[in-house]
Amino acid sequence: MLQNLLLTLDYTPECILIFMPSIHNGGQSTFQIGELAKRTDLSIDAIRFYERRKLLPPPSRSTGRFRLYTSDAIDRLRFVRRMQGLGFSLQEIKELMGVRGDRAHACSAVREFLKTKLADVALRIRELQQLDTELKADLRKCNRALKQQRGKTCACPVLEGEEQPGNA
C-alpha cells in the first residue's frame, strides 16, 4: 500500500520517476543475487557456481533479465554450506537435496549417508594416526642425528632415507 508522499521534482526531459513495487514470484517476495549474497554470506560467484552445479534451481528472471530468488534459495544455500561443513561433497549434497523432498524415506536415507561418511572419517583418522607415527619417528631420527653430530657435518637420515634398526 502506498502512503501519500510529497515529492517535488523538476519537470525536464531527463527527469523520469519510475516507481517499482517489490517484485513477487507466485506470491513470494523475490530479490536479486546481490541481496541473496548478503543474506547467505556467500559471494555472487559462489552462488553462480552452485547454480551451475544444479544445487540451486534456475532462478526466475525480471523483465530486465536479472536473476530473482526467493527465500527457498536462502534455505538451499544454507543447507549446502552446512553439509559442506560436515564433509559432504557437492555430489553427495545434491543427492541429499533429492532425499530432502521425500519426507517418508528421508531419515533412513540420511542415516545411510551419515554411516558412509562416518566410515570415511574413521578411515581418514587411521591414516592420519599412521602419518603422525611416521612423522614422529622421522623427528626422532633427526634429533638423534643432531645429537650425534656435535659440530660435525652429517647427512640427514630423513632426506637420505636411512633406516636404522629399532629406530622406527
N, C-alpha and C. Protein backbone atom coordinates (compact mmCIF):
# COMPACT_ATOMS: atom_id res chain seq x y z
N MET A 1 0.85 -1.17 0.00
CA MET A 1 0.00 0.00 0.00
C MET A 1 0.90 1.24 0.00
N LEU A 2 0.58 2.17 -0.86
CA LEU A 2 1.37 3.39 -0.96
C LEU A 2 0.86 4.42 0.03
N GLN A 3 1.78 5.08 0.65
CA GLN A 3 1.42 6.20 1.52
C GLN A 3 1.48 7.47 0.69
N ASN A 4 0.78 8.47 1.15
CA ASN A 4 0.85 9.74 0.43
C ASN A 4 2.23 10.34 0.68
N LEU A 5 2.95 10.52 -0.40
CA LEU A 5 4.28 11.10 -0.31
C LEU A 5 4.28 12.42 -1.07
N LEU A 6 4.91 13.39 -0.53
CA LEU A 6 5.03 14.68 -1.19
C LEU A 6 6.40 14.75 -1.81
N LEU A 7 6.45 14.79 -3.13
CA LEU A 7 7.71 14.89 -3.84
C LEU A 7 7.70 16.14 -4.70
N THR A 8 8.81 16.78 -4.76
CA THR A 8 8.94 17.92 -5.66
C THR A 8 10.01 17.56 -6.67
N LEU A 9 9.62 17.55 -7.94
CA LEU A 9 10.57 17.22 -9.00
C LEU A 9 10.53 18.30 -10.06
N ASP A 10 11.65 18.52 -10.65
CA ASP A 10 11.68 19.41 -11.80
C ASP A 10 11.16 18.63 -12.99
N TYR A 11 10.36 19.23 -13.79
CA TYR A 11 9.84 18.57 -14.97
C TYR A 11 10.74 18.92 -16.15
N THR A 12 11.63 17.99 -16.46
CA THR A 12 12.53 18.16 -17.60
C THR A 12 12.58 16.84 -18.34
N PRO A 13 13.01 16.85 -19.59
CA PRO A 13 13.05 15.59 -20.36
C PRO A 13 13.96 14.53 -19.74
N GLU A 14 15.02 14.95 -19.02
CA GLU A 14 15.92 13.96 -18.42
C GLU A 14 15.41 13.40 -17.10
N CYS A 15 14.42 14.00 -16.53
CA CYS A 15 13.95 13.59 -15.21
C CYS A 15 12.75 12.66 -15.34
N ILE A 16 12.97 11.40 -15.00
CA ILE A 16 11.90 10.41 -15.06
C ILE A 16 11.85 9.71 -13.71
N LEU A 17 10.67 9.61 -13.15
CA LEU A 17 10.49 8.91 -11.88
C LEU A 17 9.73 7.62 -12.18
N ILE A 18 10.34 6.51 -11.84
CA ILE A 18 9.70 5.22 -12.03
C ILE A 18 9.54 4.58 -10.67
N PHE A 19 8.32 4.20 -10.34
CA PHE A 19 8.07 3.51 -9.08
C PHE A 19 7.92 2.04 -9.38
N MET A 20 8.78 1.21 -8.75
CA MET A 20 8.70 -0.23 -8.94
C MET A 20 8.35 -0.87 -7.62
N PRO A 21 7.16 -1.44 -7.49
CA PRO A 21 6.82 -2.14 -6.26
C PRO A 21 7.70 -3.37 -6.13
N SER A 22 7.77 -3.94 -4.92
CA SER A 22 8.60 -5.14 -4.76
C SER A 22 8.08 -6.23 -5.69
N ILE A 23 8.99 -6.95 -6.26
CA ILE A 23 8.66 -7.97 -7.23
C ILE A 23 8.22 -9.21 -6.50
N HIS A 24 7.16 -9.81 -6.98
CA HIS A 24 6.65 -11.04 -6.36
C HIS A 24 6.65 -12.16 -7.38
N ASN A 25 6.94 -13.36 -6.91
CA ASN A 25 7.01 -14.52 -7.77
C ASN A 25 6.10 -15.59 -7.17
N GLY A 26 4.92 -15.73 -7.73
CA GLY A 26 4.00 -16.74 -7.21
C GLY A 26 3.62 -16.47 -5.76
N GLY A 27 3.51 -15.21 -5.38
CA GLY A 27 3.14 -14.90 -4.01
C GLY A 27 4.32 -14.72 -3.08
N GLN A 28 5.52 -15.13 -3.50
CA GLN A 28 6.71 -14.98 -2.64
C GLN A 28 7.48 -13.74 -3.07
N SER A 29 7.99 -13.01 -2.10
CA SER A 29 8.85 -11.88 -2.42
C SER A 29 10.13 -12.41 -3.06
N THR A 30 10.64 -11.65 -3.98
CA THR A 30 11.89 -12.04 -4.64
C THR A 30 12.92 -10.94 -4.46
N PHE A 31 14.17 -11.32 -4.67
CA PHE A 31 15.27 -10.37 -4.56
C PHE A 31 16.36 -10.81 -5.51
N GLN A 32 17.25 -9.88 -5.80
CA GLN A 32 18.31 -10.15 -6.77
C GLN A 32 19.51 -10.84 -6.11
N ILE A 33 20.46 -11.23 -6.93
CA ILE A 33 21.59 -12.03 -6.48
C ILE A 33 22.45 -11.32 -5.43
N GLY A 34 22.57 -10.02 -5.53
CA GLY A 34 23.35 -9.28 -4.52
C GLY A 34 22.75 -9.40 -3.13
N GLU A 35 21.43 -9.33 -3.06
CA GLU A 35 20.74 -9.49 -1.78
C GLU A 35 20.87 -10.91 -1.27
N LEU A 36 20.79 -11.90 -2.17
CA LEU A 36 20.98 -13.30 -1.78
C LEU A 36 22.39 -13.50 -1.23
N ALA A 37 23.36 -12.88 -1.88
CA ALA A 37 24.75 -12.98 -1.40
C ALA A 37 24.87 -12.43 0.01
N LYS A 38 24.25 -11.28 0.27
CA LYS A 38 24.31 -10.69 1.61
C LYS A 38 23.63 -11.59 2.64
N ARG A 39 22.47 -12.12 2.28
CA ARG A 39 21.70 -12.92 3.24
C ARG A 39 22.33 -14.27 3.55
N THR A 40 23.16 -14.77 2.63
CA THR A 40 23.77 -16.09 2.83
C THR A 40 25.26 -15.99 3.15
N ASP A 41 25.81 -14.79 3.11
CA ASP A 41 27.23 -14.59 3.36
C ASP A 41 28.09 -15.36 2.35
N LEU A 42 27.61 -15.39 1.12
CA LEU A 42 28.35 -16.01 0.01
C LEU A 42 28.64 -14.94 -1.03
N SER A 43 29.63 -15.19 -1.86
CA SER A 43 29.90 -14.26 -2.95
C SER A 43 28.92 -14.54 -4.10
N ILE A 44 28.76 -13.57 -4.95
CA ILE A 44 27.92 -13.74 -6.13
C ILE A 44 28.47 -14.87 -6.99
N ASP A 45 29.80 -14.94 -7.12
CA ASP A 45 30.42 -16.01 -7.90
C ASP A 45 30.11 -17.38 -7.31
N ALA A 46 30.12 -17.49 -5.98
CA ALA A 46 29.80 -18.77 -5.33
C ALA A 46 28.36 -19.18 -5.63
N ILE A 47 27.45 -18.22 -5.60
CA ILE A 47 26.05 -18.52 -5.90
C ILE A 47 25.91 -19.01 -7.34
N ARG A 48 26.56 -18.33 -8.24
CA ARG A 48 26.51 -18.76 -9.66
C ARG A 48 27.13 -20.15 -9.82
N PHE A 49 28.21 -20.41 -9.08
CA PHE A 49 28.84 -21.73 -9.11
C PHE A 49 27.85 -22.80 -8.68
N TYR A 50 27.13 -22.57 -7.57
CA TYR A 50 26.14 -23.54 -7.09
C TYR A 50 25.00 -23.71 -8.09
N GLU A 51 24.66 -22.63 -8.80
CA GLU A 51 23.64 -22.75 -9.85
C GLU A 51 24.13 -23.67 -10.97
N ARG A 52 25.38 -23.47 -11.40
CA ARG A 52 25.93 -24.30 -12.47
C ARG A 52 26.01 -25.77 -12.06
N ARG A 53 26.24 -26.02 -10.78
CA ARG A 53 26.31 -27.39 -10.25
C ARG A 53 24.93 -27.96 -9.94
N LYS A 54 23.89 -27.18 -10.27
CA LYS A 54 22.50 -27.62 -10.09
C LYS A 54 22.11 -27.82 -8.63
N LEU A 55 22.77 -27.10 -7.73
CA LEU A 55 22.40 -27.14 -6.32
C LEU A 55 21.32 -26.09 -6.03
N LEU A 56 21.16 -25.17 -6.95
CA LEU A 56 20.07 -24.20 -6.91
C LEU A 56 19.30 -24.34 -8.22
N PRO A 57 17.99 -24.32 -8.16
CA PRO A 57 17.24 -24.36 -9.43
C PRO A 57 17.46 -23.06 -10.19
N PRO A 58 17.28 -23.07 -11.50
CA PRO A 58 17.45 -21.82 -12.25
C PRO A 58 16.47 -20.77 -11.71
N PRO A 59 16.96 -19.59 -11.40
CA PRO A 59 16.06 -18.57 -10.86
C PRO A 59 15.17 -18.00 -11.95
N SER A 60 14.05 -17.44 -11.53
CA SER A 60 13.23 -16.71 -12.50
C SER A 60 13.97 -15.43 -12.84
N ARG A 61 13.50 -14.75 -13.85
CA ARG A 61 14.18 -13.53 -14.29
C ARG A 61 13.20 -12.36 -14.32
N SER A 62 13.73 -11.20 -14.04
CA SER A 62 12.92 -9.98 -14.14
C SER A 62 12.83 -9.60 -15.61
N THR A 63 12.01 -8.60 -15.89
CA THR A 63 11.90 -8.14 -17.28
C THR A 63 13.24 -7.61 -17.78
N GLY A 64 14.08 -7.15 -16.87
CA GLY A 64 15.43 -6.70 -17.23
C GLY A 64 16.45 -7.83 -17.24
N ARG A 65 16.00 -9.07 -17.10
CA ARG A 65 16.82 -10.29 -17.14
C ARG A 65 17.69 -10.48 -15.89
N PHE A 66 17.36 -9.80 -14.79
CA PHE A 66 18.07 -10.03 -13.54
C PHE A 66 17.55 -11.32 -12.90
N ARG A 67 18.46 -12.06 -12.28
CA ARG A 67 18.04 -13.26 -11.55
C ARG A 67 17.19 -12.84 -10.35
N LEU A 68 16.10 -13.57 -10.12
CA LEU A 68 15.23 -13.29 -8.99
C LEU A 68 15.12 -14.53 -8.12
N TYR A 69 15.43 -14.38 -6.85
CA TYR A 69 15.45 -15.50 -5.92
C TYR A 69 14.37 -15.34 -4.86
N THR A 70 13.99 -16.46 -4.26
CA THR A 70 13.04 -16.45 -3.16
C THR A 70 13.76 -16.95 -1.90
N SER A 71 13.03 -16.99 -0.80
CA SER A 71 13.63 -17.46 0.45
C SER A 71 14.04 -18.94 0.36
N ASP A 72 13.48 -19.68 -0.59
CA ASP A 72 13.90 -21.07 -0.79
C ASP A 72 15.39 -21.15 -1.15
N ALA A 73 15.86 -20.18 -1.93
CA ALA A 73 17.29 -20.17 -2.31
C ALA A 73 18.16 -19.99 -1.07
N ILE A 74 17.71 -19.16 -0.13
CA ILE A 74 18.47 -18.96 1.12
C ILE A 74 18.55 -20.29 1.87
N ASP A 75 17.41 -20.96 2.01
CA ASP A 75 17.38 -22.24 2.71
C ASP A 75 18.29 -23.26 2.05
N ARG A 76 18.23 -23.33 0.72
CA ARG A 76 19.06 -24.30 0.00
C ARG A 76 20.54 -24.02 0.19
N LEU A 77 20.93 -22.75 0.08
CA LEU A 77 22.35 -22.41 0.21
C LEU A 77 22.85 -22.63 1.63
N ARG A 78 22.03 -22.35 2.61
CA ARG A 78 22.43 -22.63 3.99
C ARG A 78 22.59 -24.14 4.20
N PHE A 79 21.71 -24.92 3.61
CA PHE A 79 21.81 -26.38 3.68
C PHE A 79 23.12 -26.85 3.03
N VAL A 80 23.44 -26.30 1.86
CA VAL A 80 24.69 -26.67 1.16
C VAL A 80 25.89 -26.36 2.05
N ARG A 81 25.93 -25.18 2.64
CA ARG A 81 27.06 -24.80 3.49
C ARG A 81 27.17 -25.71 4.71
N ARG A 82 26.02 -26.03 5.31
CA ARG A 82 26.03 -26.90 6.49
C ARG A 82 26.54 -28.29 6.13
N MET A 83 26.11 -28.84 5.01
CA MET A 83 26.53 -30.17 4.59
C MET A 83 28.01 -30.17 4.19
N GLN A 84 28.47 -29.09 3.56
CA GLN A 84 29.90 -28.99 3.26
C GLN A 84 30.71 -28.98 4.54
N GLY A 85 30.21 -28.31 5.55
CA GLY A 85 30.88 -28.27 6.85
C GLY A 85 30.98 -29.65 7.47
N LEU A 86 30.07 -30.54 7.12
CA LEU A 86 30.11 -31.92 7.62
C LEU A 86 30.96 -32.83 6.73
N GLY A 87 31.56 -32.25 5.70
CA GLY A 87 32.46 -33.02 4.86
C GLY A 87 31.82 -33.67 3.65
N PHE A 88 30.58 -33.33 3.34
CA PHE A 88 29.94 -33.93 2.17
C PHE A 88 30.39 -33.22 0.91
N SER A 89 30.57 -33.99 -0.16
CA SER A 89 30.94 -33.43 -1.46
C SER A 89 29.71 -32.78 -2.08
N LEU A 90 29.92 -31.99 -3.13
CA LEU A 90 28.78 -31.36 -3.80
C LEU A 90 27.85 -32.41 -4.40
N GLN A 91 28.41 -33.48 -4.92
CA GLN A 91 27.57 -34.55 -5.47
C GLN A 91 26.72 -35.19 -4.37
N GLU A 92 27.33 -35.44 -3.22
CA GLU A 92 26.58 -36.01 -2.10
C GLU A 92 25.49 -35.05 -1.63
N ILE A 93 25.81 -33.76 -1.63
CA ILE A 93 24.83 -32.76 -1.21
C ILE A 93 23.66 -32.73 -2.19
N LYS A 94 23.97 -32.85 -3.47
CA LYS A 94 22.90 -32.88 -4.47
C LYS A 94 21.98 -34.08 -4.21
N GLU A 95 22.57 -35.22 -3.89
CA GLU A 95 21.77 -36.42 -3.58
C GLU A 95 20.96 -36.21 -2.31
N LEU A 96 21.57 -35.59 -1.31
CA LEU A 96 20.84 -35.29 -0.06
C LEU A 96 19.67 -34.35 -0.31
N MET A 97 19.85 -33.40 -1.22
CA MET A 97 18.74 -32.49 -1.55
C MET A 97 17.58 -33.26 -2.17
N GLY A 98 17.91 -34.26 -2.97
CA GLY A 98 16.87 -35.09 -3.55
C GLY A 98 16.12 -35.85 -2.47
N VAL A 99 16.86 -36.32 -1.48
CA VAL A 99 16.26 -37.06 -0.36
C VAL A 99 15.38 -36.14 0.46
N ARG A 100 15.77 -34.89 0.57
CA ARG A 100 15.02 -33.90 1.35
C ARG A 100 13.57 -33.80 0.92
N GLY A 101 13.32 -33.98 -0.36
CA GLY A 101 11.96 -33.88 -0.88
C GLY A 101 11.10 -35.08 -0.57
N ASP A 102 11.70 -36.20 -0.21
CA ASP A 102 10.96 -37.44 0.07
C ASP A 102 10.90 -37.64 1.57
N ARG A 103 10.00 -36.94 2.21
CA ARG A 103 9.93 -36.97 3.68
C ARG A 103 9.67 -38.35 4.24
N ALA A 104 8.98 -39.20 3.50
CA ALA A 104 8.63 -40.54 4.01
C ALA A 104 9.87 -41.41 4.22
N HIS A 105 10.87 -41.25 3.35
CA HIS A 105 12.05 -42.10 3.43
C HIS A 105 13.33 -41.33 3.73
N ALA A 106 13.19 -40.05 4.02
CA ALA A 106 14.35 -39.19 4.19
C ALA A 106 15.27 -39.64 5.31
N CYS A 107 14.70 -39.97 6.46
CA CYS A 107 15.54 -40.27 7.62
C CYS A 107 16.39 -41.50 7.40
N SER A 108 15.83 -42.55 6.84
CA SER A 108 16.62 -43.77 6.62
C SER A 108 17.69 -43.53 5.56
N ALA A 109 17.37 -42.75 4.54
CA ALA A 109 18.36 -42.44 3.50
C ALA A 109 19.49 -41.60 4.07
N VAL A 110 19.14 -40.61 4.89
CA VAL A 110 20.16 -39.76 5.50
C VAL A 110 21.03 -40.58 6.44
N ARG A 111 20.42 -41.50 7.16
CA ARG A 111 21.19 -42.37 8.06
C ARG A 111 22.26 -43.13 7.28
N GLU A 112 21.93 -43.63 6.10
CA GLU A 112 22.91 -44.34 5.27
C GLU A 112 24.03 -43.41 4.82
N PHE A 113 23.67 -42.18 4.44
CA PHE A 113 24.70 -41.19 4.07
C PHE A 113 25.63 -40.95 5.25
N LEU A 114 25.05 -40.78 6.44
CA LEU A 114 25.86 -40.49 7.63
C LEU A 114 26.75 -41.67 8.01
N LYS A 115 26.22 -42.87 7.90
CA LYS A 115 27.04 -44.06 8.21
C LYS A 115 28.23 -44.15 7.25
N THR A 116 27.99 -43.89 5.98
CA THR A 116 29.08 -43.91 5.00
C THR A 116 30.10 -42.83 5.30
N LYS A 117 29.62 -41.63 5.64
CA LYS A 117 30.53 -40.52 5.94
C LYS A 117 31.35 -40.82 7.19
N LEU A 118 30.72 -41.42 8.21
CA LEU A 118 31.45 -41.79 9.43
C LEU A 118 32.53 -42.83 9.14
N ALA A 119 32.23 -43.78 8.27
CA ALA A 119 33.24 -44.78 7.90
C ALA A 119 34.42 -44.10 7.19
N ASP A 120 34.12 -43.13 6.32
CA ASP A 120 35.19 -42.38 5.64
C ASP A 120 36.04 -41.61 6.65
N VAL A 121 35.38 -40.99 7.61
CA VAL A 121 36.09 -40.22 8.63
C VAL A 121 36.98 -41.14 9.47
N ALA A 122 36.45 -42.30 9.84
CA ALA A 122 37.24 -43.25 10.64
C ALA A 122 38.49 -43.69 9.86
N LEU A 123 38.34 -43.93 8.56
CA LEU A 123 39.48 -44.31 7.73
C LEU A 123 40.50 -43.17 7.69
N ARG A 124 40.03 -41.94 7.49
CA ARG A 124 40.95 -40.80 7.46
C ARG A 124 41.66 -40.63 8.79
N ILE A 125 40.96 -40.88 9.89
CA ILE A 125 41.59 -40.77 11.21
C ILE A 125 42.71 -41.79 11.34
N ARG A 126 42.45 -43.03 10.91
CA ARG A 126 43.51 -44.05 10.97
C ARG A 126 44.70 -43.65 10.10
N GLU A 127 44.43 -43.13 8.91
CA GLU A 127 45.52 -42.69 8.04
C GLU A 127 46.31 -41.55 8.68
N LEU A 128 45.62 -40.62 9.30
CA LEU A 128 46.32 -39.51 9.96
C LEU A 128 47.11 -39.98 11.18
N GLN A 129 46.59 -40.97 11.89
CA GLN A 129 47.34 -41.52 13.02
C GLN A 129 48.61 -42.21 12.53
N GLN A 130 48.53 -42.91 11.40
CA GLN A 130 49.71 -43.55 10.81
C GLN A 130 50.72 -42.48 10.39
N LEU A 131 50.23 -41.41 9.77
CA LEU A 131 51.10 -40.30 9.38
C LEU A 131 51.77 -39.69 10.60
N ASP A 132 51.00 -39.51 11.67
CA ASP A 132 51.53 -38.98 12.92
C ASP A 132 52.68 -39.86 13.44
N THR A 133 52.48 -41.17 13.42
CA THR A 133 53.51 -42.11 13.88
C THR A 133 54.77 -41.99 13.04
N GLU A 134 54.60 -41.91 11.71
CA GLU A 134 55.75 -41.81 10.81
C GLU A 134 56.50 -40.49 11.00
N LEU A 135 55.76 -39.40 11.15
CA LEU A 135 56.41 -38.10 11.34
C LEU A 135 57.18 -38.05 12.66
N LYS A 136 56.62 -38.63 13.71
CA LYS A 136 57.31 -38.66 15.00
C LYS A 136 58.58 -39.51 14.91
N ALA A 137 58.52 -40.62 14.17
CA ALA A 137 59.70 -41.47 14.00
C ALA A 137 60.79 -40.71 13.25
N ASP A 138 60.39 -39.96 12.20
CA ASP A 138 61.38 -39.17 11.46
C ASP A 138 61.96 -38.06 12.33
N LEU A 139 61.14 -37.46 13.16
CA LEU A 139 61.62 -36.43 14.07
C LEU A 139 62.65 -37.01 15.04
N ARG A 140 62.38 -38.22 15.54
CA ARG A 140 63.36 -38.87 16.43
C ARG A 140 64.67 -39.13 15.70
N LYS A 141 64.60 -39.53 14.42
CA LYS A 141 65.82 -39.75 13.63
C LYS A 141 66.63 -38.46 13.53
N CYS A 142 65.94 -37.35 13.24
CA CYS A 142 66.64 -36.06 13.13
C CYS A 142 67.25 -35.67 14.47
N ASN A 143 66.50 -35.82 15.53
CA ASN A 143 67.02 -35.47 16.86
C ASN A 143 68.25 -36.30 17.20
N ARG A 144 68.19 -37.59 16.89
CA ARG A 144 69.31 -38.49 17.17
C ARG A 144 70.54 -38.08 16.33
N ALA A 145 70.33 -37.78 15.05
CA ALA A 145 71.44 -37.39 14.17
C ALA A 145 72.07 -36.09 14.64
N LEU A 146 71.24 -35.13 15.04
CA LEU A 146 71.78 -33.85 15.51
C LEU A 146 72.53 -34.01 16.82
N LYS A 147 72.05 -34.90 17.68
CA LYS A 147 72.73 -35.15 18.96
C LYS A 147 74.09 -35.80 18.72
N GLN A 148 74.16 -36.71 17.75
CA GLN A 148 75.42 -37.40 17.45
C GLN A 148 76.36 -36.51 16.64
N GLN A 149 75.86 -35.53 15.96
CA GLN A 149 76.65 -34.67 15.08
C GLN A 149 77.70 -33.89 15.85
N ARG A 150 77.32 -33.23 16.90
CA ARG A 150 78.22 -32.44 17.75
C ARG A 150 79.25 -31.65 16.95
N GLY A 151 78.74 -30.76 16.06
CA GLY A 151 79.65 -29.90 15.30
C GLY A 151 80.14 -30.50 14.00
N LYS A 152 79.98 -31.80 13.81
CA LYS A 152 80.41 -32.42 12.56
C LYS A 152 79.26 -32.35 11.55
N THR A 153 79.63 -32.41 10.29
CA THR A 153 78.62 -32.42 9.24
C THR A 153 78.20 -33.86 8.98
N CYS A 154 76.91 -34.06 8.95
CA CYS A 154 76.42 -35.40 8.62
C CYS A 154 75.15 -35.27 7.81
N ALA A 155 74.83 -36.31 7.09
CA ALA A 155 73.63 -36.30 6.26
C ALA A 155 72.39 -36.46 7.13
N CYS A 156 71.32 -35.88 6.69
CA CYS A 156 70.05 -36.01 7.40
C CYS A 156 69.47 -37.39 7.09
N PRO A 157 69.21 -38.18 8.11
CA PRO A 157 68.69 -39.53 7.86
C PRO A 157 67.32 -39.54 7.18
N VAL A 158 66.54 -38.52 7.37
CA VAL A 158 65.22 -38.48 6.73
C VAL A 158 65.37 -38.20 5.24
N LEU A 159 66.23 -37.23 4.90
CA LEU A 159 66.44 -36.91 3.50
C LEU A 159 67.17 -38.03 2.76
N GLU A 160 68.04 -38.72 3.46
CA GLU A 160 68.79 -39.80 2.85
C GLU A 160 67.99 -41.10 2.82
N GLY A 161 66.88 -41.12 3.54
CA GLY A 161 66.06 -42.33 3.55
C GLY A 161 66.70 -43.47 4.31
N GLU A 162 67.59 -43.15 5.24
CA GLU A 162 68.29 -44.20 6.00
C GLU A 162 67.35 -44.83 7.01
N GLU A 163 67.38 -46.11 7.04
CA GLU A 163 66.62 -46.86 8.04
C GLU A 163 67.61 -47.45 9.03
N GLN A 164 67.42 -47.15 10.29
CA GLN A 164 68.29 -47.73 11.29
C GLN A 164 67.46 -48.73 12.09
N PRO A 165 67.99 -49.89 12.31
CA PRO A 165 67.20 -50.91 13.05
C PRO A 165 66.78 -50.41 14.41
N GLY A 166 65.50 -50.63 14.72
CA GLY A 166 64.98 -50.30 16.03
C GLY A 166 64.67 -48.83 16.21
N ASN A 167 64.83 -48.00 15.19
CA ASN A 167 64.58 -46.57 15.33
C ASN A 167 63.20 -46.16 14.81
N ALA A 168 62.49 -47.03 14.17
CA ALA A 168 61.20 -46.66 13.58
C ALA A 168 60.13 -46.64 14.62
